[in-house]
C-alpha atoms as a PDB file:
ATOM      1  CA  MET A   1       3.709 -30.728  -3.614  1.00  0.00           C
ATOM      2  CA  ALA A   2       4.420 -27.336  -1.633  1.00  0.00           C
ATOM      3  CA  GLN A   3       2.632 -24.418  -2.870  1.00  0.00           C
ATOM      4  CA  ARG A   4       5.006 -21.622  -4.248  1.00  0.00           C
ATOM      5  CA  MET A   5       5.162 -18.667  -1.914  1.00  0.00           C
ATOM      6  CA  PRO A   6       4.303 -15.507  -3.482  1.00  0.00           C
ATOM      7  CA  TRP A   7       6.044 -12.223  -2.822  1.00  0.00           C
ATOM      8  CA  LEU A   8       4.877 -11.022   0.478  1.00  0.00           C
ATOM      9  CA  ILE A   9       4.150  -7.470   0.712  1.00  0.00           C
ATOM     10  CA  GLY A  10       3.181  -5.805   4.172  1.00  0.00           C
ATOM     11  CA  HIS A  11       0.101  -3.551   3.098  1.00  0.00           C
ATOM     12  CA  ARG A  12       0.872  -0.086   4.751  1.00  0.00           C
ATOM     13  CA  GLY A  13       3.067  -2.139   7.303  1.00  0.00           C
ATOM     14  CA  ALA A  14       1.322  -4.611   9.576  1.00  0.00           C
ATOM     15  CA  PRO A  15      -1.974  -2.921  10.224  1.00  0.00           C
ATOM     16  CA  ALA A  16      -3.788  -5.988  11.687  1.00  0.00           C
ATOM     17  CA  TYR A  17      -1.749  -5.051  14.943  1.00  0.00           C
ATOM     18  CA  LEU A  18      -0.755  -1.533  14.702  1.00  0.00           C
ATOM     19  CA  PRO A  19      -2.117   1.719  13.030  1.00  0.00           C
ATOM     20  CA  GLU A  20      -1.150   1.749   9.353  1.00  0.00           C
ATOM     21  CA  HIS A  21       1.725   3.750   7.978  1.00  0.00           C
ATOM     22  CA  THR A  22       3.330   3.974  11.298  1.00  0.00           C
ATOM     23  CA  ALA A  23       7.120   3.320  12.049  1.00  0.00           C
ATOM     24  CA  ALA A  24       6.269   0.624  14.581  1.00  0.00           C
ATOM     25  CA  SER A  25       3.666  -0.957  11.934  1.00  0.00           C
ATOM     26  CA  TYR A  26       6.471  -1.197   9.294  1.00  0.00           C
ATOM     27  CA  ALA A  27       9.177  -2.513  11.720  1.00  0.00           C
ATOM     28  CA  LEU A  28       6.665  -5.136  12.564  1.00  0.00           C
ATOM     29  CA  ALA A  29       5.872  -6.190   9.106  1.00  0.00           C
ATOM     30  CA  ILE A  30       9.684  -6.510   8.477  1.00  0.00           C
ATOM     31  CA  SER A  31       9.945  -8.685  11.809  1.00  0.00           C
ATOM     32  CA  GLN A  32       7.169 -10.749  10.452  1.00  0.00           C
ATOM     33  CA  GLY A  33       8.840 -11.662   7.192  1.00  0.00           C
ATOM     34  CA  ALA A  34       7.616  -9.265   4.721  1.00  0.00           C
ATOM     35  CA  ASP A  35       9.460  -9.312   1.476  1.00  0.00           C
ATOM     36  CA  ALA A  36       8.208  -5.584   0.789  1.00  0.00           C
ATOM     37  CA  VAL A  37       6.188  -2.935   2.387  1.00  0.00           C
ATOM     38  CA  GLU A  38       3.852  -0.665   0.680  1.00  0.00           C
ATOM     39  CA  PRO A  39       3.351   3.072   1.578  1.00  0.00           C
ATOM     40  CA  ASP A  40       0.868   5.188  -0.016  1.00  0.00           C
ATOM     41  CA  LEU A  41       1.992   8.687  -0.926  1.00  0.00           C
ATOM     42  CA  VAL A  42       0.493  12.174  -0.716  1.00  0.00           C
ATOM     43  CA  PRO A  43       1.926  15.342  -0.826  1.00  0.00           C
ATOM     44  CA  SER A  44       1.778  18.192   1.721  1.00  0.00           C
ATOM     45  CA  ALA A  45       1.430  21.774   0.735  1.00  0.00           C
ATOM     46  CA  ASP A  46       5.166  22.336   0.769  1.00  0.00           C
ATOM     47  CA  GLY A  47       5.650  19.159  -1.695  1.00  0.00           C
ATOM     48  CA  VAL A  48       6.917  16.572   0.925  1.00  0.00           C
ATOM     49  CA  LEU A  49       5.533  13.111   0.138  1.00  0.00           C
ATOM     50  CA  VAL A  50       3.803  12.032   3.175  1.00  0.00           C
ATOM     51  CA  VAL A  51       3.030   8.435   4.071  1.00  0.00           C
ATOM     52  CA  ARG A  52      -0.892   8.407   4.370  1.00  0.00           C
ATOM     53  CA  HIS A  53      -3.753   6.251   2.951  1.00  0.00           C
ATOM     54  CA  GLU A  54      -5.132   9.021   1.091  1.00  0.00           C
ATOM     55  CA  PRO A  55      -5.287  12.798   1.107  1.00  0.00           C
ATOM     56  CA  VAL A  56      -7.938  12.861   3.713  1.00  0.00           C
ATOM     57  CA  LEU A  57      -6.801  12.975   7.109  1.00  0.00           C
ATOM     58  CA  ASP A  58      -9.753  12.585   9.218  1.00  0.00           C
ATOM     59  CA  ASP A  59      -9.877   8.756   9.749  1.00  0.00           C
ATOM     60  CA  THR A  60      -6.158   8.244  10.074  1.00  0.00           C
ATOM     61  CA  THR A  61      -4.908  11.111  12.276  1.00  0.00           C
ATOM     62  CA  ASP A  62      -5.901  12.872  15.257  1.00  0.00           C
ATOM     63  CA  VAL A  63      -6.468  16.134  13.264  1.00  0.00           C
ATOM     64  CA  ALA A  64      -9.966  16.798  14.713  1.00  0.00           C
ATOM     65  CA  GLU A  65      -8.287  17.116  18.306  1.00  0.00           C
ATOM     66  CA  HIS A  66      -6.142  19.913  17.108  1.00  0.00           C
ATOM     67  CA  PRO A  67      -8.342  23.296  17.277  1.00  0.00           C
ATOM     68  CA  GLU A  68      -5.508  25.214  15.803  1.00  0.00           C
ATOM     69  CA  PHE A  69      -6.206  23.557  12.403  1.00  0.00           C
ATOM     70  CA  ALA A  70     -10.124  24.087  12.431  1.00  0.00           C
ATOM     71  CA  ALA A  71      -9.913  26.485   9.816  1.00  0.00           C
ATOM     72  CA  LEU A  72      -8.346  24.204   7.681  1.00  0.00           C
ATOM     73  CA  ARG A  73     -11.222  21.851   7.651  1.00  0.00           C
ATOM     74  CA  ARG A  74     -13.028  21.857   3.815  1.00  0.00           C
ATOM     75  CA  GLU A  75     -16.706  21.931   3.383  1.00  0.00           C
ATOM     76  CA  ALA A  76     -18.193  19.032   1.199  1.00  0.00           C
ATOM     77  CA  THR A  77     -18.286  19.929  -2.591  1.00  0.00           C
ATOM     78  CA  ARG A  78     -19.589  18.127  -5.536  1.00  0.00           C
ATOM     79  CA  ASP A  79     -16.241  16.493  -6.158  1.00  0.00           C
ATOM     80  CA  ALA A  80     -14.954  15.881  -2.577  1.00  0.00           C
ATOM     81  CA  ALA A  81     -15.909  14.933   0.831  1.00  0.00           C
ATOM     82  CA  ALA A  82     -15.592  17.254   3.649  1.00  0.00           C
ATOM     83  CA  GLY A  83     -12.547  17.118   5.944  1.00  0.00           C
ATOM     84  CA  TRP A  84      -8.854  17.905   6.494  1.00  0.00           C
ATOM     85  CA  TYR A  85      -6.732  17.279   3.486  1.00  0.00           C
ATOM     86  CA  ALA A  86      -2.990  16.762   3.659  1.00  0.00           C
ATOM     87  CA  GLU A  87      -2.059  19.203   0.745  1.00  0.00           C
ATOM     88  CA  ASP A  88      -3.678  22.112   2.898  1.00  0.00           C
ATOM     89  CA  PHE A  89      -0.907  21.356   5.676  1.00  0.00           C
ATOM     90  CA  THR A  90       2.704  22.044   5.507  1.00  0.00           C
ATOM     91  CA  TRP A  91       5.124  19.132   6.756  1.00  0.00           C
ATOM     92  CA  ALA A  92       5.753  21.114   9.844  1.00  0.00           C
ATOM     93  CA  GLN A  93       2.127  21.195  10.672  1.00  0.00           C
ATOM     94  CA  LEU A  94       1.681  17.454   9.776  1.00  0.00           C
ATOM     95  CA  GLN A  95       4.298  16.480  12.118  1.00  0.00           C
ATOM     96  CA  THR A  96       2.321  17.791  14.978  1.00  0.00           C
ATOM     97  CA  LEU A  97      -0.596  14.964  14.187  1.00  0.00           C
ATOM     98  CA  ARG A  98      -0.590  11.469  15.525  1.00  0.00           C
ATOM     99  CA  ALA A  99      -1.669   8.300  13.673  1.00  0.00           C
ATOM    100  CA  VAL A 100      -4.878   6.458  14.697  1.00  0.00           C
ATOM    101  CA  GLU A 101      -6.205   3.082  13.666  1.00  0.00           C
ATOM    102  CA  ARG A 102      -8.767   3.542  10.531  1.00  0.00           C
ATOM    103  CA  LEU A 103     -10.919   0.644  11.579  1.00  0.00           C
ATOM    104  CA  PRO A 104     -11.222   0.802  15.409  1.00  0.00           C
ATOM    105  CA  GLU A 105     -14.212  -1.305  15.596  1.00  0.00           C
ATOM    106  CA  LEU A 106     -12.626  -4.277  13.636  1.00  0.00           C
ATOM    107  CA  ARG A 107      -9.108  -3.655  15.245  1.00  0.00           C
ATOM    108  CA  PRO A 108      -9.499  -2.739  18.756  1.00  0.00           C
ATOM    109  CA  ALA A 109      -5.959  -4.048  19.844  1.00  0.00           C
ATOM    110  CA  SER A 110      -4.499  -1.714  16.951  1.00  0.00           C
ATOM    111  CA  ALA A 111      -6.637   1.231  18.267  1.00  0.00           C
ATOM    112  CA  ALA A 112      -5.241   0.793  21.604  1.00  0.00           C
ATOM    113  CA  HIS A 113      -2.122   2.181  19.980  1.00  0.00           C
ATOM    114  CA  SER A 114      -3.728   5.164  18.271  1.00  0.00           C
ATOM    115  CA  GLY A 115      -1.922   8.626  19.129  1.00  0.00           C
ATOM    116  CA  GLU A 116       1.230   6.766  19.993  1.00  0.00           C
ATOM    117  CA  GLN A 117       3.391   7.610  16.764  1.00  0.00           C
ATOM    118  CA  GLY A 118       3.499  10.627  14.442  1.00  0.00           C
ATOM    119  CA  LEU A 119       3.232  10.625  10.604  1.00  0.00           C
ATOM    120  CA  LEU A 120       6.341   9.627   8.197  1.00  0.00           C
ATOM    121  CA  ARG A 121       7.580  11.102   5.133  1.00  0.00           C
ATOM    122  CA  LEU A 122       8.863   8.877   2.401  1.00  0.00           C
ATOM    123  CA  ARG A 123      12.559   9.508   2.860  1.00  0.00           C
ATOM    124  CA  ASP A 124      12.277   8.846   6.689  1.00  0.00           C
ATOM    125  CA  LEU A 125      10.513   5.559   5.740  1.00  0.00           C
ATOM    126  CA  VAL A 126      13.425   4.494   3.419  1.00  0.00           C
ATOM    127  CA  LEU A 127      15.761   4.950   5.995  1.00  0.00           C
ATOM    128  CA  LEU A 128      13.721   2.923   8.656  1.00  0.00           C
ATOM    129  CA  ILE A 129      13.157   0.201   6.039  1.00  0.00           C
ATOM    130  CA  ASP A 130      16.896  -0.227   5.386  1.00  0.00           C
ATOM    131  CA  GLU A 131      17.659  -0.165   9.236  1.00  0.00           C
ATOM    132  CA  ALA A 132      15.006  -2.813  10.173  1.00  0.00           C
ATOM    133  CA  ALA A 133      15.874  -5.017   7.268  1.00  0.00           C
ATOM    134  CA  THR A 134      19.651  -4.879   7.961  1.00  0.00           C
ATOM    135  CA  ALA A 135      19.024  -5.800  11.774  1.00  0.00           C
ATOM    136  CA  ARG A 136      17.012  -8.659  10.629  1.00  0.00           C
ATOM    137  CA  GLY A 137      19.708  -9.832   8.347  1.00  0.00           C
ATOM    138  CA  ARG A 138      17.471  -9.730   5.304  1.00  0.00           C
ATOM    139  CA  ASP A 139      16.361  -7.282   2.341  1.00  0.00           C
ATOM    140  CA  CYS A 140      13.067  -5.700   2.277  1.00  0.00           C
ATOM    141  CA  THR A 141      11.788  -3.676  -0.882  1.00  0.00           C
ATOM    142  CA  LEU A 142       9.439  -0.839  -1.329  1.00  0.00           C
ATOM    143  CA  VAL A 143       6.142  -0.739  -3.214  1.00  0.00           C
ATOM    144  CA  LEU A 144       5.265   2.985  -3.647  1.00  0.00           C
ATOM    145  CA  GLU A 145       1.666   3.911  -4.271  1.00  0.00           C
ATOM    146  CA  LEU A 146       1.045   7.207  -5.848  1.00  0.00           C
ATOM    147  CA  LYS A 147      -2.502   8.380  -4.643  1.00  0.00           C
ATOM    148  CA  TRP A 148      -5.141  10.500  -6.546  1.00  0.00           C
ATOM    149  CA  ASP A 149      -3.033  11.714  -9.342  1.00  0.00           C
ATOM    150  CA  THR A 150      -5.652  13.462 -11.363  1.00  0.00           C
ATOM    151  CA  TRP A 151      -6.799  15.317  -8.003  1.00  0.00           C
ATOM    152  CA  MET A 152      -3.185  16.476  -7.290  1.00  0.00           C
ATOM    153  CA  ARG A 153      -2.298  17.436 -10.708  1.00  0.00           C
ATOM    154  CA  ALA A 154      -5.120  19.745 -10.609  1.00  0.00           C
ATOM    155  CA  ARG A 155      -3.664  21.325  -7.602  1.00  0.00           C
ATOM    156  CA  GLY A 156      -0.142  21.693  -9.062  1.00  0.00           C
ATOM    157  CA  PHE A 157       1.378  18.519  -7.700  1.00  0.00           C
ATOM    158  CA  ARG A 158       3.389  16.323 -10.007  1.00  0.00           C
ATOM    159  CA  PHE A 159       4.434  12.924  -8.560  1.00  0.00           C
ATOM    160  CA  GLU A 160       7.362  12.509 -10.987  1.00  0.00           C
ATOM    161  CA  GLU A 161       9.062  15.708  -9.717  1.00  0.00           C
ATOM    162  CA  LEU A 162       8.224  15.197  -5.945  1.00  0.00           C
ATOM    163  CA  LEU A 163       9.660  11.680  -6.066  1.00  0.00           C
ATOM    164  CA  VAL A 164      12.946  12.871  -7.244  1.00  0.00           C
ATOM    165  CA  ARG A 165      13.103  15.732  -4.687  1.00  0.00           C
ATOM    166  CA  GLU A 166      12.138  13.430  -1.750  1.00  0.00           C
ATOM    167  CA  LEU A 167      14.251  10.419  -2.722  1.00  0.00           C
ATOM    168  CA  GLU A 168      17.526  12.546  -3.565  1.00  0.00           C
ATOM    169  CA  PRO A 169      19.090  12.301  -0.065  1.00  0.00           C
ATOM    170  CA  VAL A 170      18.430   8.445   0.203  1.00  0.00           C
ATOM    171  CA  ARG A 171      18.767   7.549  -3.466  1.00  0.00           C
ATOM    172  CA  SER A 172      21.344   4.803  -2.539  1.00  0.00           C
ATOM    173  CA  ALA A 173      19.029   3.006  -0.078  1.00  0.00           C
ATOM    174  CA  ARG A 174      18.940  -0.747  -0.717  1.00  0.00           C
ATOM    175  CA  CYS A 175      15.159  -0.875  -0.300  1.00  0.00           C
ATOM    176  CA  LEU A 176      14.608   1.455  -3.331  1.00  0.00           C
ATOM    177  CA  GLN A 177      16.666  -0.887  -5.718  1.00  0.00           C
ATOM    178  CA  GLY A 178      14.018  -2.895  -7.741  1.00  0.00           C
ATOM    179  CA  ALA A 179      11.281  -1.019  -6.089  1.00  0.00           C
ATOM    180  CA  ARG A 180       7.706  -0.977  -7.559  1.00  0.00           C
ATOM    181  CA  ILE A 181       5.811   2.160  -8.305  1.00  0.00           C
ATOM    182  CA  GLU A 182       2.082   1.766  -8.636  1.00  0.00           C
ATOM    183  CA  SER A 183      -1.052   3.787  -9.113  1.00  0.00           C
ATOM    184  CA  PHE A 184      -4.754   3.357  -9.864  1.00  0.00           C
ATOM    185  CA  GLU A 185      -4.234   6.128 -12.479  1.00  0.00           C
ATOM    186  CA  VAL A 186      -1.943   5.626 -15.571  1.00  0.00           C
ATOM    187  CA  SER A 187      -1.373   9.224 -16.017  1.00  0.00           C
ATOM    188  CA  ALA A 188       1.085   8.843 -12.926  1.00  0.00           C
ATOM    189  CA  LEU A 189       2.816   5.978 -14.470  1.00  0.00           C
ATOM    190  CA  ASP A 190       2.989   7.282 -18.009  1.00  0.00           C
ATOM    191  CA  ARG A 191       4.862  10.496 -16.767  1.00  0.00           C
ATOM    192  CA  LEU A 192       7.545   8.058 -14.943  1.00  0.00           C
ATOM    193  CA  CYS A 193       7.904   5.761 -18.039  1.00  0.00           C
ATOM    194  CA  GLY A 194      11.727   5.810 -19.085  1.00  0.00           C
ATOM    195  CA  SER A 195      12.497   8.496 -16.498  1.00  0.00           C
ATOM    196  CA  ALA A 196      15.988   8.751 -14.909  1.00  0.00           C
ATOM    197  CA  LEU A 197      14.532   7.985 -11.422  1.00  0.00           C
ATOM    198  CA  VAL A 198      13.129   4.656 -12.660  1.00  0.00           C
ATOM    199  CA  ARG A 199      16.200   3.607 -14.668  1.00  0.00           C
ATOM    200  CA  GLU A 200      18.465   4.315 -11.732  1.00  0.00           C
ATOM    201  CA  LEU A 201      16.557   2.613  -9.157  1.00  0.00           C
ATOM    202  CA  ASP A 202      15.810  -0.279 -11.778  1.00  0.00           C
ATOM    203  CA  ALA A 203      11.989   0.181 -10.616  1.00  0.00           C
ATOM    204  CA  ARG A 204       8.981  -1.420 -12.169  1.00  0.00           C
ATOM    205  CA  LEU A 205       5.788   0.309 -12.900  1.00  0.00           C
ATOM    206  CA  VAL A 206       2.530  -1.463 -11.962  1.00  0.00           C
ATOM    207  CA  VAL A 207      -1.102  -0.691 -12.771  1.00  0.00           C
ATOM    208  CA  LEU A 208      -3.593  -0.893  -9.865  1.00  0.00           C
ATOM    209  CA  VAL A 209      -6.819  -2.268 -10.970  1.00  0.00           C
ATOM    210  CA  GLU A 210     -10.184  -1.664  -9.128  1.00  0.00           C
ATOM    211  CA  ASP A 211     -13.317  -3.600  -9.330  1.00  0.00           C
ATOM    212  CA  GLU A 212     -16.270  -1.808 -10.400  1.00  0.00           C
ATOM    213  CA  PRO A 213     -18.145  -1.326  -7.109  1.00  0.00           C
ATOM    214  CA  TRP A 214     -15.196   0.514  -5.575  1.00  0.00           C
ATOM    215  CA  LEU A 215     -14.283   2.953  -8.508  1.00  0.00           C
ATOM    216  CA  ARG A 216     -14.035   6.601  -7.697  1.00  0.00           C
ATOM    217  CA  PRO A 217     -16.235   8.335 -10.077  1.00  0.00           C
ATOM    218  CA  GLY A 218     -14.241  10.824 -12.328  1.00  0.00           C
ATOM    219  CA  SER A 219     -11.025   9.751 -10.766  1.00  0.00           C
ATOM    220  CA  GLY A 220      -9.265   8.005 -13.862  1.00  0.00           C
ATOM    221  CA  GLU A 221      -9.003   5.050 -11.807  1.00  0.00           C
ATOM    222  CA  GLU A 222      -8.442   1.654 -13.551  1.00  0.00           C
ATOM    223  CA  GLY A 223     -11.141  -0.787 -13.669  1.00  0.00           C
ATOM    224  CA  PRO A 224     -11.937  -4.356 -14.781  1.00  0.00           C
ATOM    225  CA  GLU A 225     -11.606  -3.533 -18.367  1.00  0.00           C
ATOM    226  CA  ARG A 226      -7.661  -3.659 -17.727  1.00  0.00           C
ATOM    227  CA  CYS A 227      -7.876  -7.256 -17.338  1.00  0.00           C
ATOM    228  CA  THR A 228      -9.301  -7.972 -20.758  1.00  0.00           C
ATOM    229  CA  ASP A 229      -6.749  -9.307 -23.443  1.00  0.00           C
ATOM    230  CA  GLU A 230      -6.750  -5.748 -24.980  1.00  0.00           C
ATOM    231  CA  GLY A 231      -6.076  -4.052 -21.610  1.00  0.00           C
ATOM    232  CA  LEU A 232      -3.346  -6.622 -20.761  1.00  0.00           C
ATOM    233  CA  ASP A 233      -1.629  -6.128 -24.233  1.00  0.00           C
ATOM    234  CA  ASP A 234      -1.637  -2.302 -23.768  1.00  0.00           C
ATOM    235  CA  ALA A 235      -0.277  -2.874 -20.099  1.00  0.00           C
ATOM    236  CA  ALA A 236       2.474  -5.041 -21.349  1.00  0.00           C
ATOM    237  CA  TYR A 237       3.634  -2.502 -23.784  1.00  0.00           C
ATOM    238  CA  ARG A 238       3.899   0.321 -21.233  1.00  0.00           C
ATOM    239  CA  TYR A 239       4.399  -1.104 -17.936  1.00  0.00           C
ATOM    240  CA  ASP A 240       5.676  -4.160 -15.891  1.00  0.00           C
ATOM    241  CA  GLY A 241       2.768  -5.354 -13.897  1.00  0.00           C
ATOM    242  CA  ILE A 242      -0.661  -5.129 -12.945  1.00  0.00           C
ATOM    243  CA  SER A 243      -2.241  -5.480  -9.276  1.00  0.00           C
ATOM    244  CA  VAL A 244      -5.695  -6.410  -8.975  1.00  0.00           C
ATOM    245  CA  ARG A 245      -8.351  -6.542  -6.034  1.00  0.00           C
ATOM    246  CA  THR A 246      -8.831 -10.174  -4.976  1.00  0.00           C
ATOM    247  CA  THR A 247     -12.339  -9.989  -6.356  1.00  0.00           C
ATOM    248  CA  LEU A 248     -10.763  -9.652  -9.869  1.00  0.00           C
ATOM    249  CA  LEU A 249      -7.954 -12.580  -9.437  1.00  0.00           C
ATOM    250  CA  ASP A 250      -8.218 -15.846 -10.945  1.00  0.00           C
ATOM    251  CA  ALA A 251      -5.821 -18.387 -12.578  1.00  0.00           C
ATOM    252  CA  ASP A 252      -6.896 -17.403 -16.225  1.00  0.00           C
ATOM    253  CA  LEU A 253      -6.049 -13.679 -15.530  1.00  0.00           C
ATOM    254  CA  VAL A 254      -2.745 -14.823 -14.036  1.00  0.00           C
ATOM    255  CA  ASP A 255      -1.990 -17.026 -16.999  1.00  0.00           C
ATOM    256  CA  ARG A 256      -2.869 -14.307 -19.603  1.00  0.00           C
ATOM    257  CA  ALA A 257      -0.725 -11.613 -17.713  1.00  0.00           C
ATOM    258  CA  HIS A 258       2.406 -13.989 -17.389  1.00  0.00           C
ATOM    259  CA  ALA A 259       2.118 -14.892 -21.232  1.00  0.00           C
ATOM    260  CA  ARG A 260       2.515 -11.155 -21.824  1.00  0.00           C
ATOM    261  CA  GLY A 261       5.518 -10.808 -19.452  1.00  0.00           C
ATOM    262  CA  LEU A 262       3.481  -8.944 -16.530  1.00  0.00           C
ATOM    263  CA  GLU A 263       3.923  -9.469 -13.025  1.00  0.00           C
ATOM    264  CA  VAL A 264       0.556 -10.056 -11.121  1.00  0.00           C
ATOM    265  CA  PHE A 265      -0.276  -8.908  -7.605  1.00  0.00           C
ATOM    266  CA  THR A 266      -3.379  -8.917  -5.458  1.00  0.00           C
ATOM    267  CA  TYR A 267      -4.658  -6.783  -2.648  1.00  0.00           C
ATOM    268  CA  THR A 268      -5.543  -7.190   0.187  1.00  0.00           C
ATOM    269  CA  LEU A 269      -5.337 -10.325   2.243  1.00  0.00           C
ATOM    270  CA  ARG A 270      -7.050  -9.636   5.553  1.00  0.00           C
ATOM    271  CA  ALA A 271      -8.589 -12.062   8.308  1.00  0.00           C
ATOM    272  CA  GLU A 272     -11.491  -9.979   9.597  1.00  0.00           C
ATOM    273  CA  ALA A 273     -14.893 -11.266   8.725  1.00  0.00           C
ATOM    274  CA  PRO A 274     -16.017  -8.347   6.344  1.00  0.00           C
ATOM    275  CA  PHE A 275     -13.055  -9.243   4.263  1.00  0.00           C
ATOM    276  CA  VAL A 276     -13.452 -12.701   3.623  1.00  0.00           C
ATOM    277  CA  PRO A 277     -15.893 -14.156   0.958  1.00  0.00           C
ATOM    278  CA  PRO A 278     -18.917 -16.092   2.156  1.00  0.00           C
ATOM    279  CA  GLU A 279     -17.829 -19.247   0.919  1.00  0.00           C
ATOM    280  CA  PHE A 280     -14.639 -18.960   3.121  1.00  0.00           C
ATOM    281  CA  ALA A 281     -16.436 -17.546   6.106  1.00  0.00           C
ATOM    282  CA  GLY A 282     -14.257 -18.265   9.257  1.00  0.00           C
ATOM    283  CA  ARG A 283     -11.407 -19.916   7.100  1.00  0.00           C
ATOM    284  CA  PRO A 284      -9.284 -16.728   5.986  1.00  0.00           C
ATOM    285  CA  PHE A 285      -6.312 -18.919   5.612  1.00  0.00           C
ATOM    286  CA  ASP A 286      -7.832 -21.279   3.059  1.00  0.00           C
ATOM    287  CA  TYR A 287      -9.059 -18.269   1.154  1.00  0.00           C
ATOM    288  CA  TRP A 288      -5.482 -16.776   0.995  1.00  0.00           C
ATOM    289  CA  ARG A 289      -4.458 -20.440  -0.178  1.00  0.00           C
ATOM    290  CA  ALA A 290      -6.902 -20.272  -3.001  1.00  0.00           C
ATOM    291  CA  LEU A 291      -5.646 -16.982  -3.901  1.00  0.00           C
ATOM    292  CA  ALA A 292      -2.119 -17.875  -4.070  1.00  0.00           C
ATOM    293  CA  ALA A 293      -2.934 -21.119  -6.082  1.00  0.00           C
ATOM    294  CA  THR A 294      -3.721 -18.834  -9.028  1.00  0.00           C
ATOM    295  CA  GLY A 295      -0.055 -18.404  -9.344  1.00  0.00           C
ATOM    296  CA  VAL A 296      -0.024 -14.788  -8.484  1.00  0.00           C
ATOM    297  CA  ASP A 297       3.538 -13.287  -8.049  1.00  0.00           C
ATOM    298  CA  GLY A 298       2.791 -11.319  -4.932  1.00  0.00           C
ATOM    299  CA  VAL A 299       0.115 -10.669  -2.369  1.00  0.00           C
ATOM    300  CA  PHE A 300      -0.637  -7.703  -0.293  1.00  0.00           C
ATOM    301  CA  ALA A 301      -1.327  -8.607   3.500  1.00  0.00           C
ATOM    302  CA  ASP A 302      -2.363  -6.622   6.657  1.00  0.00           C
ATOM    303  CA  ASP A 303      -0.974  -9.554   8.587  1.00  0.00           C
ATOM    304  CA  PRO A 304       2.440 -10.617   7.104  1.00  0.00           C
ATOM    305  CA  GLY A 305       3.298 -13.154   9.782  1.00  0.00           C
ATOM    306  CA  ALA A 306      -0.160 -15.008   9.507  1.00  0.00           C
ATOM    307  CA  CYS A 307       0.067 -14.886   5.677  1.00  0.00           C
ATOM    308  CA  ARG A 308       3.308 -16.514   5.539  1.00  0.00           C
ATOM    309  CA  ALA A 309       2.375 -19.274   8.035  1.00  0.00           C
ATOM    310  CA  ALA A 310      -0.836 -19.673   5.906  1.00  0.00           C
ATOM    311  CA  LEU A 311       0.886 -19.983   2.663  1.00  0.00           C
ATOM    312  CA  GLY A 312       3.571 -22.424   4.001  1.00  0.00           C
ATOM    313  CA  GLY A 313       6.625 -20.238   4.687  1.00  0.00           C
ATOM    314  CA  ALA A 314       7.968 -20.185   8.109  1.00  0.00           C
ATOM    315  CA  PRO A 315       6.140 -17.549  10.293  1.00  0.00           C
ATOM    316  CA  GLN A 316       8.630 -14.776  11.541  1.00  0.00           C
ATOM    317  CA  LEU A 317       6.769 -12.957  14.432  1.00  0.00           C
ATOM    318  CA  GLY A 318       7.678  -9.829  16.347  1.00  0.00           C
ATOM    319  CA  SER A 319       7.924 -10.096  19.907  1.00  0.00           C
ATOM    320  CA  ASP A 320       4.429  -8.377  20.435  1.00  0.00           C
ATOM    321  CA  ALA A 321       2.673 -10.194  17.618  1.00  0.00           C
ATOM    322  CA  PRO A 322       0.230 -13.275  18.280  1.00  0.00           C
ATOM    323  CA  VAL A 323       1.138 -16.472  16.757  1.00  0.00           C
ATOM    324  CA  ALA A 324      -0.806 -16.954  13.256  1.00  0.00           C
ATOM    325  CA  GLY A 325      -3.227 -19.514  14.605  1.00  0.00           C
ATOM    326  CA  GLU A 326      -4.600 -16.940  17.105  1.00  0.00           C
ATOM    327  CA  VAL A 327      -5.603 -14.653  14.300  1.00  0.00           C
ATOM    328  CA  SER A 328      -9.478 -14.517  14.349  1.00  0.00           C
ATOM    329  CA  ALA A 329     -11.746 -14.255  11.405  1.00  0.00           C
ATOM    330  CA  ALA A 330     -14.423 -12.514  13.640  1.00  0.00           C
END
């Protein structure tokens, strides 16, 4: 019996091939058959929602090569690492930066494209997704991740207000209908519950759940306790779904969440050896199939084409992407 194909979400685009959060990476994800794509969102100093992995720009942009921004680099504090932070830059300043590969040692092919593309703001990505999906004759939805809510609120930024302002010119875009809005911090989701924006977009709110070793101390991030029966009861009362790290996913969790009417997603399916458990070493496709066999509703993948092929869907590859069988676990 064929395995059910979960909803396939291009995690920051298709970063197995191209630097994450770039226009080219998102377009490739759609050409590979992603049902949705996931941008991470952080605010600029002037309140633009910028598509970046986190506020710290050091690993994902060429900011260090811009001497004009040297004075904006923060020194390390008890609560934060040293570096350049997006909220210290205006959107005009951020537009002068170029995106780079975050994991160049693991992804040299992607790193070869570092510096080719600029940064995106959310409203520009919305237009790009609709255009690319229409060209492919299919729909593609957005999964919006709100980053570091506690940190941002302490600095005067409120995602519920920034989202309304950022999306106002593109509110009718098809990719926004039925969008998911997710965060590791329920404070961000609570302020969106019942909002006009969520109602108008028919959006669903999803709690991201981190495993213990990766929790940021003092961040307010949700941990494994969210996966208890009590945690799921609370999530079902307030939200629409949970999204858990693969290390927390099993069939029992999926069954208990489904019994409460919650969607279940998992992150992140990657082929590189450091991201594949020892028992599946050299066999990332088998690992992905085992995750899908839990009955999970959706998976976040860095290589949507390979993931679709591994899980039984027809691969839909862009012209510059290798076939799924060529993806190496090394």
